[in-house]
């Protein structure tokens, strides 16, 4: 099972202010980066995505092409 943590910046925000959403996704298998897409569904607001996951530098190796 993968794990997803979503954060927003700034938090809190005020009405009309631009907000950046970030999804940090951990892989299903330890040492394997996640792959695929994330779609943000905001209650009462727009649906954003799909957005393709981008592996970040760190202790996990990149997924082979």
PDB file of N, CA and C in Angstrom:
ATOM      1  N   UNK A   1       0.840  -1.163   0.000  1.00  0.00           N
ATOM      2  CA  UNK A   1       0.000   0.000   0.000  1.00  0.00           C
ATOM      3  C   UNK A   1       0.893   1.236   0.000  1.00  0.00           C
ATOM      4  N   UNK A   2       0.522   2.234  -0.789  1.00  0.00           N
ATOM      5  CA  UNK A   2       1.268   3.488  -0.783  1.00  0.00           C
ATOM      6  C   UNK A   2       0.637   4.444   0.231  1.00  0.00           C
ATOM      7  N   UNK A   3       1.399   5.464   0.607  1.00  0.00           N
ATOM      8  CA  UNK A   3       0.924   6.469   1.543  1.00  0.00           C
ATOM      9  C   UNK A   3       1.043   7.830   0.887  1.00  0.00           C
ATOM     10  N   UNK A   4       0.005   8.656   1.027  1.00  0.00           N
ATOM     11  CA  UNK A   4       0.013  10.001   0.457  1.00  0.00           C
ATOM     12  C   UNK A   4      -0.256  11.021   1.554  1.00  0.00           C
ATOM     13  N   UNK A   5       0.585  12.049   1.610  1.00  0.00           N
ATOM     14  CA  UNK A   5       0.390  13.156   2.546  1.00  0.00           C
ATOM     15  C   UNK A   5       0.266  14.426   1.704  1.00  0.00           C
ATOM     16  N   UNK A   6      -0.845  15.148   1.873  1.00  0.00           N
ATOM     17  CA  UNK A   6      -1.081  16.374   1.112  1.00  0.00           C
ATOM     18  C   UNK A   6      -0.900  17.577   2.032  1.00  0.00           C
ATOM     19  N   UNK A   7      -0.134  18.569   1.552  1.00  0.00           N
ATOM     20  CA  UNK A   7       0.046  19.811   2.290  1.00  0.00           C
ATOM     21  C   UNK A   7      -0.315  20.981   1.380  1.00  0.00           C
ATOM     22  N   UNK A   8      -0.634  22.112   1.978  1.00  0.00           N
ATOM     23  CA  UNK A   8      -0.914  23.321   1.207  1.00  0.00           C
ATOM     24  C   UNK A   8      -0.083  24.470   1.764  1.00  0.00           C
ATOM     25  N   UNK A   9       0.303  25.380   0.869  1.00  0.00           N
ATOM     26  CA  UNK A   9       1.088  26.540   1.246  1.00  0.00           C
ATOM     27  C   UNK A   9       0.508  27.762   0.548  1.00  0.00           C
ATOM     28  N   UNK A  10       0.217  28.848   1.220  1.00  0.00           N
ATOM     29  CA  UNK A  10       0.316  29.019   2.661  1.00  0.00           C
ATOM     30  C   UNK A  10      -0.817  28.302   3.381  1.00  0.00           C
ATOM     31  N   UNK A  11      -0.601  28.033   4.639  1.00  0.00           N
ATOM     32  CA  UNK A  11      -1.616  27.378   5.457  1.00  0.00           C
ATOM     33  C   UNK A  11      -1.545  27.983   6.860  1.00  0.00           C
ATOM     34  N   UNK A  12      -2.542  28.757   7.248  1.00  0.00           N
ATOM     35  CA  UNK A  12      -3.816  28.968   6.546  1.00  0.00           C
ATOM     36  C   UNK A  12      -3.675  29.987   5.417  1.00  0.00           C
ATOM     37  N   UNK A  13      -4.663  30.001   4.550  1.00  0.00           N
ATOM     38  CA  UNK A  13      -4.713  30.978   3.465  1.00  0.00           C
ATOM     39  C   UNK A  13      -5.977  31.819   3.632  1.00  0.00           C
ATOM     40  N   UNK A  14      -6.029  32.929   2.902  1.00  0.00           N
ATOM     41  CA  UNK A  14      -7.212  33.781   2.928  1.00  0.00           C
ATOM     42  C   UNK A  14      -7.908  33.687   1.583  1.00  0.00           C
ATOM     43  N   UNK A  15      -9.213  33.959   1.571  1.00  0.00           N
ATOM     44  CA  UNK A  15     -10.002  33.863   0.351  1.00  0.00           C
ATOM     45  C   UNK A  15      -9.357  34.674  -0.765  1.00  0.00           C
ATOM     46  N   UNK A  16      -9.233  34.061  -1.952  1.00  0.00           N
ATOM     47  CA  UNK A  16      -8.675  34.731  -3.116  1.00  0.00           C
ATOM     48  C   UNK A  16      -7.168  34.602  -3.256  1.00  0.00           C
ATOM     49  N   UNK A  17      -6.493  34.098  -2.241  1.00  0.00           N
ATOM     50  CA  UNK A  17      -5.045  33.943  -2.268  1.00  0.00           C
ATOM     51  C   UNK A  17      -4.668  32.665  -3.019  1.00  0.00           C
ATOM     52  N   UNK A  18      -3.590  32.702  -3.789  1.00  0.00           N
ATOM     53  CA  UNK A  18      -3.107  31.496  -4.476  1.00  0.00           C
ATOM     54  C   UNK A  18      -2.574  30.505  -3.451  1.00  0.00           C
ATOM     55  N   UNK A  19      -2.878  29.228  -3.688  1.00  0.00           N
ATOM     56  CA  UNK A  19      -2.445  28.161  -2.791  1.00  0.00           C
ATOM     57  C   UNK A  19      -1.739  27.095  -3.624  1.00  0.00           C
ATOM     58  N   UNK A  20      -0.636  26.568  -3.097  1.00  0.00           N
ATOM     59  CA  UNK A  20       0.076  25.461  -3.740  1.00  0.00           C
ATOM     60  C   UNK A  20      -0.197  24.192  -2.946  1.00  0.00           C
ATOM     61  N   UNK A  21      -0.651  23.141  -3.647  1.00  0.00           N
ATOM     62  CA  UNK A  21      -0.873  21.838  -3.022  1.00  0.00           C
ATOM     63  C   UNK A  21       0.266  20.910  -3.402  1.00  0.00           C
ATOM     64  N   UNK A  22       0.771  20.168  -2.424  1.00  0.00           N
ATOM     65  CA  UNK A  22       1.850  19.221  -2.654  1.00  0.00           C
ATOM     66  C   UNK A  22       1.428  17.863  -2.121  1.00  0.00           C
ATOM     67  N   UNK A  23       1.597  16.823  -2.941  1.00  0.00           N
ATOM     68  CA  UNK A  23       1.316  15.453  -2.501  1.00  0.00           C
ATOM     69  C   UNK A  23       2.638  14.707  -2.403  1.00  0.00           C
ATOM     70  N   UNK A  24       2.975  14.229  -1.211  1.00  0.00           N
ATOM     71  CA  UNK A  24       4.156  13.393  -1.016  1.00  0.00           C
ATOM     72  C   UNK A  24       3.681  11.947  -0.943  1.00  0.00           C
ATOM     73  N   UNK A  25       4.108  11.144  -1.903  1.00  0.00           N
ATOM     74  CA  UNK A  25       3.651   9.761  -2.028  1.00  0.00           C
ATOM     75  C   UNK A  25       4.820   8.820  -1.789  1.00  0.00           C
ATOM     76  N   UNK A  26       4.653   7.865  -0.876  1.00  0.00           N
ATOM     77  CA  UNK A  26       5.679   6.848  -0.664  1.00  0.00           C
ATOM     78  C   UNK A  26       5.306   5.613  -1.464  1.00  0.00           C
ATOM     79  N   UNK A  27       6.313   4.863  -1.886  1.00  0.00           N
ATOM     80  CA  UNK A  27       6.097   3.699  -2.729  1.00  0.00           C
ATOM     81  C   UNK A  27       5.429   2.539  -2.019  1.00  0.00           C
ATOM     82  N   UNK A  28       4.911   1.631  -2.807  1.00  0.00           N
ATOM     83  CA  UNK A  28       4.236   0.447  -2.294  1.00  0.00           C
ATOM     84  C   UNK A  28       5.239  -0.498  -1.660  1.00  0.00           C
ATOM     85  N   UNK A  29       6.412  -0.645  -2.282  1.00  0.00           N
ATOM     86  CA  UNK A  29       7.462  -1.522  -1.777  1.00  0.00           C
ATOM     87  C   UNK A  29       8.620  -0.659  -1.289  1.00  0.00           C
ATOM     88  N   UNK A  30       9.150  -0.959  -0.119  1.00  0.00           N
ATOM     89  CA  UNK A  30      10.270  -0.189   0.422  1.00  0.00           C
ATOM     90  C   UNK A  30      11.402  -0.126  -0.593  1.00  0.00           C
ATOM     91  N   UNK A  31      11.949   1.066  -0.806  1.00  0.00           N
ATOM     92  CA  UNK A  31      13.051   1.241  -1.742  1.00  0.00           C
ATOM     93  C   UNK A  31      12.605   1.436  -3.176  1.00  0.00           C
ATOM     94  N   UNK A  32      11.307   1.432  -3.444  1.00  0.00           N
ATOM     95  CA  UNK A  32      10.788   1.619  -4.796  1.00  0.00           C
ATOM     96  C   UNK A  32       9.998   2.917  -4.847  1.00  0.00           C
ATOM     97  N   UNK A  33      10.360   3.843  -5.729  1.00  0.00           N
ATOM     98  CA  UNK A  33       9.624   5.099  -5.794  1.00  0.00           C
ATOM     99  C   UNK A  33       8.223   4.883  -6.367  1.00  0.00           C
ATOM    100  N   UNK A  34       7.276   5.714  -5.961  1.00  0.00           N
ATOM    101  CA  UNK A  34       5.928   5.609  -6.525  1.00  0.00           C
ATOM    102  C   UNK A  34       5.925   6.094  -7.962  1.00  0.00           C
ATOM    103  N   UNK A  35       4.921   5.698  -8.722  1.00  0.00           N
ATOM    104  CA  UNK A  35       4.770   6.161 -10.092  1.00  0.00           C
ATOM    105  C   UNK A  35       3.280   6.273 -10.373  1.00  0.00           C
ATOM    106  N   UNK A  36       2.934   7.048 -11.371  1.00  0.00           N
ATOM    107  CA  UNK A  36       1.533   7.234 -11.733  1.00  0.00           C
ATOM    108  C   UNK A  36       1.146   8.700 -11.631  1.00  0.00           C
ATOM    109  N   UNK A  37      -0.137   8.938 -11.370  1.00  0.00           N
ATOM    110  CA  UNK A  37      -0.673  10.290 -11.332  1.00  0.00           C
ATOM    111  C   UNK A  37      -1.400  10.542 -10.022  1.00  0.00           C
ATOM    112  N   UNK A  38      -1.531  11.832  -9.683  1.00  0.00           N
ATOM    113  CA  UNK A  38      -2.316  12.279  -8.547  1.00  0.00           C
ATOM    114  C   UNK A  38      -3.338  13.274  -9.073  1.00  0.00           C
ATOM    115  N   UNK A  39      -4.587  13.154  -8.626  1.00  0.00           N
ATOM    116  CA  UNK A  39      -5.624  14.130  -8.953  1.00  0.00           C
ATOM    117  C   UNK A  39      -6.131  14.720  -7.651  1.00  0.00           C
ATOM    118  N   UNK A  40      -6.145  16.045  -7.563  1.00  0.00           N
ATOM    119  CA  UNK A  40      -6.651  16.731  -6.378  1.00  0.00           C
ATOM    120  C   UNK A  40      -8.120  17.048  -6.602  1.00  0.00           C
ATOM    121  N   UNK A  41      -8.983  16.568  -5.708  1.00  0.00           N
ATOM    122  CA  UNK A  41     -10.416  16.852  -5.774  1.00  0.00           C
ATOM    123  C   UNK A  41     -10.740  17.725  -4.569  1.00  0.00           C
ATOM    124  N   UNK A  42     -11.138  18.953  -4.836  1.00  0.00           N
ATOM    125  CA  UNK A  42     -11.382  19.924  -3.775  1.00  0.00           C
ATOM    126  C   UNK A  42     -12.889  20.089  -3.606  1.00  0.00           C
ATOM    127  N   UNK A  43     -13.393  19.781  -2.414  1.00  0.00           N
ATOM    128  CA  UNK A  43     -14.829  19.887  -2.153  1.00  0.00           C
ATOM    129  C   UNK A  43     -15.306  21.309  -2.424  1.00  0.00           C
ATOM    130  N   UNK A  44     -16.323  21.424  -3.271  1.00  0.00           N
ATOM    131  CA  UNK A  44     -16.868  22.738  -3.585  1.00  0.00           C
ATOM    132  C   UNK A  44     -15.986  23.559  -4.505  1.00  0.00           C
ATOM    133  N   UNK A  45     -14.953  22.953  -5.023  1.00  0.00           N
ATOM    134  CA  UNK A  45     -14.029  23.700  -5.881  1.00  0.00           C
ATOM    135  C   UNK A  45     -13.639  22.883  -7.091  1.00  0.00           C
ATOM    136  N   UNK A  46     -12.544  23.262  -7.713  1.00  0.00           N
ATOM    137  CA  UNK A  46     -12.122  22.576  -8.943  1.00  0.00           C
ATOM    138  C   UNK A  46     -11.440  21.240  -8.667  1.00  0.00           C
ATOM    139  N   UNK A  47     -11.369  20.425  -9.724  1.00  0.00           N
ATOM    140  CA  UNK A  47     -10.548  19.215  -9.714  1.00  0.00           C
ATOM    141  C   UNK A  47      -9.273  19.573 -10.464  1.00  0.00           C
ATOM    142  N   UNK A  48      -8.127  19.278  -9.857  1.00  0.00           N
ATOM    143  CA  UNK A  48      -6.841  19.626 -10.452  1.00  0.00           C
ATOM    144  C   UNK A  48      -6.106  18.345 -10.797  1.00  0.00           C
ATOM    145  N   UNK A  49      -5.743  18.193 -12.054  1.00  0.00           N
ATOM    146  CA  UNK A  49      -4.984  17.016 -12.440  1.00  0.00           C
ATOM    147  C   UNK A  49      -5.644  16.291 -13.584  1.00  0.00           C
ATOM    148  N   UNK A  50      -5.089  15.145 -13.914  1.00  0.00           N
ATOM    149  CA  UNK A  50      -4.049  14.429 -13.180  1.00  0.00           C
ATOM    150  C   UNK A  50      -2.671  15.071 -13.334  1.00  0.00           C
ATOM    151  N   UNK A  51      -1.869  14.916 -12.288  1.00  0.00           N
ATOM    152  CA  UNK A  51      -0.500  15.403 -12.269  1.00  0.00           C
ATOM    153  C   UNK A  51       0.406  14.192 -12.109  1.00  0.00           C
ATOM    154  N   UNK A  52       1.373  14.032 -13.015  1.00  0.00           N
ATOM    155  CA  UNK A  52       2.278  12.888 -12.972  1.00  0.00           C
ATOM    156  C   UNK A  52       3.265  13.034 -11.819  1.00  0.00           C
ATOM    157  N   UNK A  53       3.443  11.956 -11.052  1.00  0.00           N
ATOM    158  CA  UNK A  53       4.401  11.969  -9.951  1.00  0.00           C
ATOM    159  C   UNK A  53       5.815  12.138 -10.486  1.00  0.00           C
ATOM    160  N   UNK A  54       6.620  12.921  -9.778  1.00  0.00           N
ATOM    161  CA  UNK A  54       8.002  13.167 -10.155  1.00  0.00           C
ATOM    162  C   UNK A  54       8.903  12.684  -9.029  1.00  0.00           C
ATOM    163  N   UNK A  55       9.711  11.643  -9.263  1.00  0.00           N
ATOM    164  CA  UNK A  55      10.623  11.174  -8.212  1.00  0.00           C
ATOM    165  C   UNK A  55      11.578  12.293  -7.805  1.00  0.00           C
ATOM    166  N   UNK A  56      11.824  12.421  -6.513  1.00  0.00           N
ATOM    167  CA  UNK A  56      12.716  13.427  -5.972  1.00  0.00           C
ATOM    168  C   UNK A  56      14.003  12.749  -5.504  1.00  0.00           C
ATOM    169  N   UNK A  57      15.120  13.476  -5.519  1.00  0.00           N
ATOM    170  CA  UNK A  57      16.369  12.899  -5.034  1.00  0.00           C
ATOM    171  C   UNK A  57      16.223  12.484  -3.566  1.00  0.00           C
ATOM    172  N   UNK A  58      16.839  11.422  -3.200  1.00  0.00           N
ATOM    173  CA  UNK A  58      16.760  10.943  -1.822  1.00  0.00           C
ATOM    174  C   UNK A  58      17.265   9.523  -1.737  1.00  0.00           C
ATOM    175  N   UNK A  59      16.918   8.842  -0.677  1.00  0.00           N
ATOM    176  CA  UNK A  59      17.437   7.494  -0.478  1.00  0.00           C
ATOM    177  C   UNK A  59      16.819   6.440  -1.373  1.00  0.00           C
ATOM    178  N   UNK A  60      15.740   6.778  -2.105  1.00  0.00           N
ATOM    179  CA  UNK A  60      15.098   5.785  -2.971  1.00  0.00           C
ATOM    180  C   UNK A  60      15.616   5.902  -4.394  1.00  0.00           C
ATOM    181  N   UNK A  61      15.946   4.801  -5.044  1.00  0.00           N
ATOM    182  CA  UNK A  61      16.438   4.860  -6.421  1.00  0.00           C
ATOM    183  C   UNK A  61      15.318   5.215  -7.401  1.00  0.00           C
ATOM    184  N   UNK A  62      15.690   5.767  -8.539  1.00  0.00           N
ATOM    185  CA  UNK A  62      14.707   6.111  -9.566  1.00  0.00           C
ATOM    186  C   UNK A  62      14.178   4.829 -10.213  1.00  0.00           C
ATOM    187  N   UNK A  63      12.924   4.875 -10.662  1.00  0.00           N
ATOM    188  CA  UNK A  63      12.297   3.728 -11.336  1.00  0.00           C
ATOM    189  C   UNK A  63      12.879   3.613 -12.748  1.00  0.00           C
ATOM    190  N   UNK A  64      13.281   2.415 -13.157  1.00  0.00           N
ATOM    191  CA  UNK A  64      13.843   2.254 -14.506  1.00  0.00           C
ATOM    192  C   UNK A  64      12.822   2.587 -15.585  1.00  0.00           C
ATOM    193  N   UNK A  65      13.304   3.116 -16.710  1.00  0.00           N
ATOM    194  CA  UNK A  65      12.421   3.488 -17.819  1.00  0.00           C
ATOM    195  C   UNK A  65      11.923   2.271 -18.554  1.00  0.00           C
TER     196      UNK A  65
END
